[in-house]
Amino acid sequence: MKTSVIFDMDGLMLDTEKVYAQVNKEGFNAMGIEFEMKDYLKYVGVGEKETLAMYAEMIGDMDKAKELLAREDKRYLEVIKDQVPDMKDDLLKVLDILDARGVDCYVASSTNLDTVEYLLEATGIRKYFKGIVAGDQVTNAKPDPEIYLKVVADYHLNKEETIVLEDSIHGVNAAYKAGLDVIMVPDLVAPDELTYERVVAVVGRLGDALPFLD
């Protein structure tokens, strides 16, 4: 029986990826660089350090890449504070069921802690989570397993009794490398062959993961 569930946030619990995509598009377009959804998909599940390196390669200038990322971060905060992102289908149902079962829930997100805390509070779901580890609390972003290993260590979790819910391939790989069972609920990026080999299941929506959380 699973006694702990670790949730990713962006794209799994909250419909934030489309906000990031739009903000990225606006930022690159303002610099005269075409940027479409297919370009954004390369950044799904990637940490800030890796994103910055990819920006610098795309733009050809690290200083300009840093400036763009800072502008986008500021713009993203403006957007989500003007309109809180929607919760994904079945999220509240899943959280309520896990709470009723006495299952402890945690968040492992590549987003910085202040933003994670804001979004969880703004959507009214912070009360469901016993702890958070965010992107600015680790050195290496997903697909490195550091963030999941830190959740396990910080909250003294039993790996055998813990399962992860992820929407991205990077997130799945991070959980797998940490030695944790993981279920993928794809958002923008479909699983590849290796991902299918590494997950307990791939499901269409959060509620479909419930049978695997017993």
Protein backbone atom coordinates (compact mmCIF):
# COMPACT_ATOMS: atom_id res chain seq x y z
CA MET A 1 0.00 0.00 0.00
CA LYS A 2 1.23 3.48 -0.86
CA THR A 3 1.35 5.80 2.14
CA SER A 4 2.86 8.82 0.32
CA VAL A 5 2.23 10.46 -3.05
CA ILE A 6 4.53 13.09 -4.56
CA PHE A 7 2.92 15.43 -7.09
CA ASP A 8 4.56 17.54 -9.75
CA MET A 9 2.73 20.87 -10.15
CA ASP A 10 2.92 22.51 -13.59
CA GLY A 11 0.95 20.57 -16.16
CA LEU A 12 -0.04 17.87 -13.68
CA MET A 13 -2.10 19.71 -11.05
CA LEU A 14 -2.40 23.14 -12.64
CA ASP A 15 -2.90 24.17 -16.25
CA THR A 16 0.13 26.46 -16.25
CA GLU A 17 2.10 25.14 -19.22
CA LYS A 18 -0.03 27.06 -21.71
CA VAL A 19 0.65 30.26 -19.72
CA TYR A 20 4.41 29.62 -19.83
CA ALA A 21 4.14 28.89 -23.57
CA GLN A 22 2.35 32.17 -24.29
CA VAL A 23 4.78 34.19 -22.18
CA ASN A 24 7.72 32.55 -23.97
CA LYS A 25 6.19 33.27 -27.35
CA GLU A 26 5.67 36.94 -26.46
CA GLY A 27 9.23 37.26 -25.19
CA PHE A 28 10.92 35.73 -28.22
CA ASN A 29 8.62 37.46 -30.70
CA ALA A 30 9.49 40.83 -29.13
CA MET A 31 13.13 40.06 -30.01
CA GLY A 32 12.19 39.25 -33.59
CA ILE A 33 12.57 35.50 -33.08
CA GLU A 34 9.80 33.14 -34.11
CA PHE A 35 8.63 30.90 -31.27
CA GLU A 36 5.76 28.45 -31.51
CA MET A 37 4.35 25.66 -29.37
CA LYS A 38 6.67 23.12 -30.99
CA ASP A 39 9.60 25.23 -29.73
CA TYR A 40 8.14 25.44 -26.24
CA LEU A 41 7.81 21.66 -25.92
CA LYS A 42 11.61 21.43 -25.63
CA TYR A 43 11.39 23.34 -22.34
CA VAL A 44 8.63 21.29 -20.67
CA GLY A 45 9.89 19.89 -17.37
CA VAL A 46 13.27 21.63 -17.71
CA GLY A 47 14.79 23.66 -14.84
CA GLU A 48 15.80 27.33 -14.95
CA LYS A 49 19.54 26.68 -15.38
CA GLU A 50 18.94 24.39 -18.34
CA THR A 51 16.36 26.78 -19.80
CA LEU A 52 18.85 29.63 -19.63
CA ALA A 53 21.47 27.58 -21.48
CA MET A 54 18.93 26.71 -24.19
CA TYR A 55 17.89 30.37 -24.48
CA ALA A 56 21.53 31.43 -24.85
CA GLU A 57 22.03 28.88 -27.62
CA MET A 58 18.87 30.02 -29.41
CA ILE A 59 19.64 33.76 -29.08
CA GLY A 60 23.43 33.54 -29.33
CA ASP A 61 24.06 35.80 -26.33
CA MET A 62 24.02 34.79 -22.65
CA ASP A 63 23.37 38.30 -21.31
CA LYS A 64 20.36 38.73 -23.59
CA ALA A 65 19.17 35.28 -22.58
CA LYS A 66 19.32 36.27 -18.91
CA GLU A 67 17.42 39.48 -19.60
CA LEU A 68 14.73 37.60 -21.56
CA LEU A 69 14.30 35.00 -18.84
CA ALA A 70 13.97 37.70 -16.19
CA ARG A 71 11.33 39.53 -18.25
CA GLU A 72 9.43 36.31 -18.81
CA ASP A 73 9.51 35.41 -15.11
CA LYS A 74 8.09 38.85 -14.27
CA ARG A 75 5.43 38.58 -16.95
CA TYR A 76 4.43 35.06 -15.85
CA LEU A 77 3.85 36.27 -12.29
CA GLU A 78 1.71 39.14 -13.60
CA VAL A 79 -0.43 36.73 -15.61
CA ILE A 80 -1.02 34.16 -12.86
CA LYS A 81 -1.78 36.86 -10.29
CA ASP A 82 -4.27 38.46 -12.67
CA GLN A 83 -5.94 35.12 -13.35
CA VAL A 84 -5.19 32.00 -11.30
CA PRO A 85 -4.58 28.99 -13.58
CA ASP A 86 -7.23 26.29 -13.77
CA MET A 87 -6.83 23.06 -11.85
CA LYS A 88 -6.53 19.92 -13.94
CA ASP A 89 -9.45 17.51 -14.21
CA ASP A 90 -10.02 15.29 -11.15
CA LEU A 91 -7.41 17.05 -8.99
CA LEU A 92 -9.70 17.88 -6.08
CA LYS A 93 -11.33 14.46 -6.28
CA VAL A 94 -7.95 12.72 -6.07
CA LEU A 95 -6.70 14.93 -3.23
CA ASP A 96 -9.89 14.41 -1.23
CA ILE A 97 -9.74 10.63 -1.67
CA LEU A 98 -6.07 10.47 -0.67
CA ASP A 99 -6.79 12.67 2.34
CA ALA A 100 -9.64 10.38 3.40
CA ARG A 101 -7.31 7.38 3.10
CA GLY A 102 -4.70 9.06 5.30
CA VAL A 103 -2.15 9.20 2.48
CA ASP A 104 0.48 11.94 2.88
CA CYS A 105 0.93 14.20 -0.15
CA TYR A 106 3.95 16.26 -1.18
CA VAL A 107 4.97 18.53 -4.07
CA ALA A 108 8.19 18.34 -6.09
CA SER A 109 8.19 21.19 -8.61
CA SER A 110 10.90 22.74 -10.78
CA THR A 111 9.24 26.13 -10.17
CA ASN A 112 10.67 28.35 -7.42
CA LEU A 113 9.25 28.00 -3.91
CA ASP A 114 7.54 31.41 -3.69
CA THR A 115 5.60 30.77 -6.88
CA VAL A 116 4.67 27.22 -5.86
CA GLU A 117 3.39 28.45 -2.50
CA TYR A 118 1.42 31.28 -4.17
CA LEU A 119 -0.26 28.95 -6.66
CA LEU A 120 -1.14 26.29 -4.09
CA GLU A 121 -2.64 28.94 -1.80
CA ALA A 122 -4.44 30.78 -4.63
CA THR A 123 -6.07 27.57 -5.84
CA GLY A 124 -6.98 26.48 -2.31
CA ILE A 125 -5.04 23.21 -2.34
CA ARG A 126 -2.07 24.04 -0.08
CA LYS A 127 -3.83 22.37 2.86
CA TYR A 128 -3.53 18.96 1.21
CA PHE A 129 0.28 18.91 1.17
CA LYS A 130 2.58 18.06 4.07
CA GLY A 131 5.64 19.42 2.33
CA ILE A 132 7.18 21.01 -0.77
CA VAL A 133 10.55 20.85 -2.46
CA ALA A 134 10.95 23.46 -5.20
CA GLY A 135 13.38 24.12 -8.03
CA ASP A 136 15.33 26.79 -6.17
CA GLN A 137 15.99 24.35 -3.31
CA VAL A 138 18.05 21.94 -5.39
CA THR A 139 21.17 22.24 -7.52
CA ASN A 140 20.16 19.94 -10.36
CA ALA A 141 16.80 20.06 -12.11
CA LYS A 142 14.75 17.17 -13.46
CA PRO A 143 15.61 14.73 -15.09
CA ASP A 144 18.24 14.59 -12.36
CA PRO A 145 16.72 12.70 -9.38
CA GLU A 146 17.89 15.26 -6.78
CA ILE A 147 14.50 16.85 -6.16
CA TYR A 148 12.81 13.51 -5.49
CA LEU A 149 15.67 12.25 -3.35
CA LYS A 150 15.38 15.46 -1.33
CA VAL A 151 11.64 14.95 -0.75
CA VAL A 152 12.32 11.40 0.44
CA ALA A 153 15.17 12.51 2.72
CA ASP A 154 13.58 15.68 4.10
CA TYR A 155 10.27 14.02 4.97
CA HIS A 156 11.65 10.58 5.90
CA LEU A 157 9.60 8.72 3.31
CA ASN A 158 9.74 4.99 2.64
CA LYS A 159 10.52 4.60 -1.07
CA GLU A 160 8.62 1.33 -1.29
CA GLU A 161 5.49 3.04 0.03
CA THR A 162 5.82 6.18 -2.13
CA ILE A 163 4.61 6.87 -5.67
CA VAL A 164 5.08 9.89 -7.94
CA LEU A 165 2.61 11.56 -10.32
CA GLU A 166 4.24 13.36 -13.26
CA ASP A 167 3.17 14.85 -16.58
CA SER A 168 6.57 15.22 -18.30
CA ILE A 169 9.22 12.82 -19.56
CA HIS A 170 11.89 14.72 -17.60
CA GLY A 171 9.84 14.29 -14.44
CA VAL A 172 9.29 10.59 -15.04
CA ASN A 173 13.01 10.08 -15.56
CA ALA A 174 13.83 11.98 -12.36
CA ALA A 175 11.46 9.83 -10.30
CA TYR A 176 12.69 6.62 -11.93
CA LYS A 177 16.34 7.48 -11.26
CA ALA A 178 15.40 8.22 -7.63
CA GLY A 179 14.14 4.65 -7.34
CA LEU A 180 10.48 5.61 -7.04
CA ASP A 181 7.38 4.20 -8.69
CA VAL A 182 5.89 6.78 -11.05
CA ILE A 183 2.67 7.26 -13.02
CA MET A 184 2.58 9.60 -16.01
CA VAL A 185 -0.44 11.77 -16.75
CA PRO A 186 0.71 13.42 -20.02
CA ASP A 187 -0.05 17.08 -20.61
CA LEU A 188 1.71 18.57 -23.64
CA VAL A 189 4.28 15.85 -24.37
CA ALA A 190 3.37 12.24 -25.11
CA PRO A 191 5.45 9.46 -23.54
CA ASP A 192 8.13 7.80 -25.64
CA GLU A 193 9.04 4.11 -25.65
CA LEU A 194 11.56 4.42 -22.79
CA THR A 195 9.01 6.27 -20.66
CA TYR A 196 6.54 3.39 -21.00
CA GLU A 197 9.26 1.06 -19.70
CA ARG A 198 9.88 3.24 -16.64
CA VAL A 199 6.35 3.94 -15.40
CA VAL A 200 3.81 1.92 -13.47
CA ALA A 201 1.18 3.28 -15.86
CA VAL A 202 0.35 6.06 -18.30
CA VAL A 203 -3.17 7.41 -17.72
CA GLY A 204 -5.32 9.99 -19.44
CA ARG A 205 -6.34 11.98 -16.37
CA LEU A 206 -5.54 12.17 -12.68
CA GLY A 207 -8.59 10.21 -11.58
CA ASP A 208 -7.44 7.25 -13.65
CA ALA A 209 -4.33 7.00 -11.46
CA LEU A 210 -6.35 6.19 -8.31
CA PRO A 211 -6.40 2.39 -8.77
CA PHE A 212 -2.57 2.43 -8.76
CA LEU A 213 -2.35 4.44 -5.53
CA ASP A 214 -3.71 1.72 -3.24
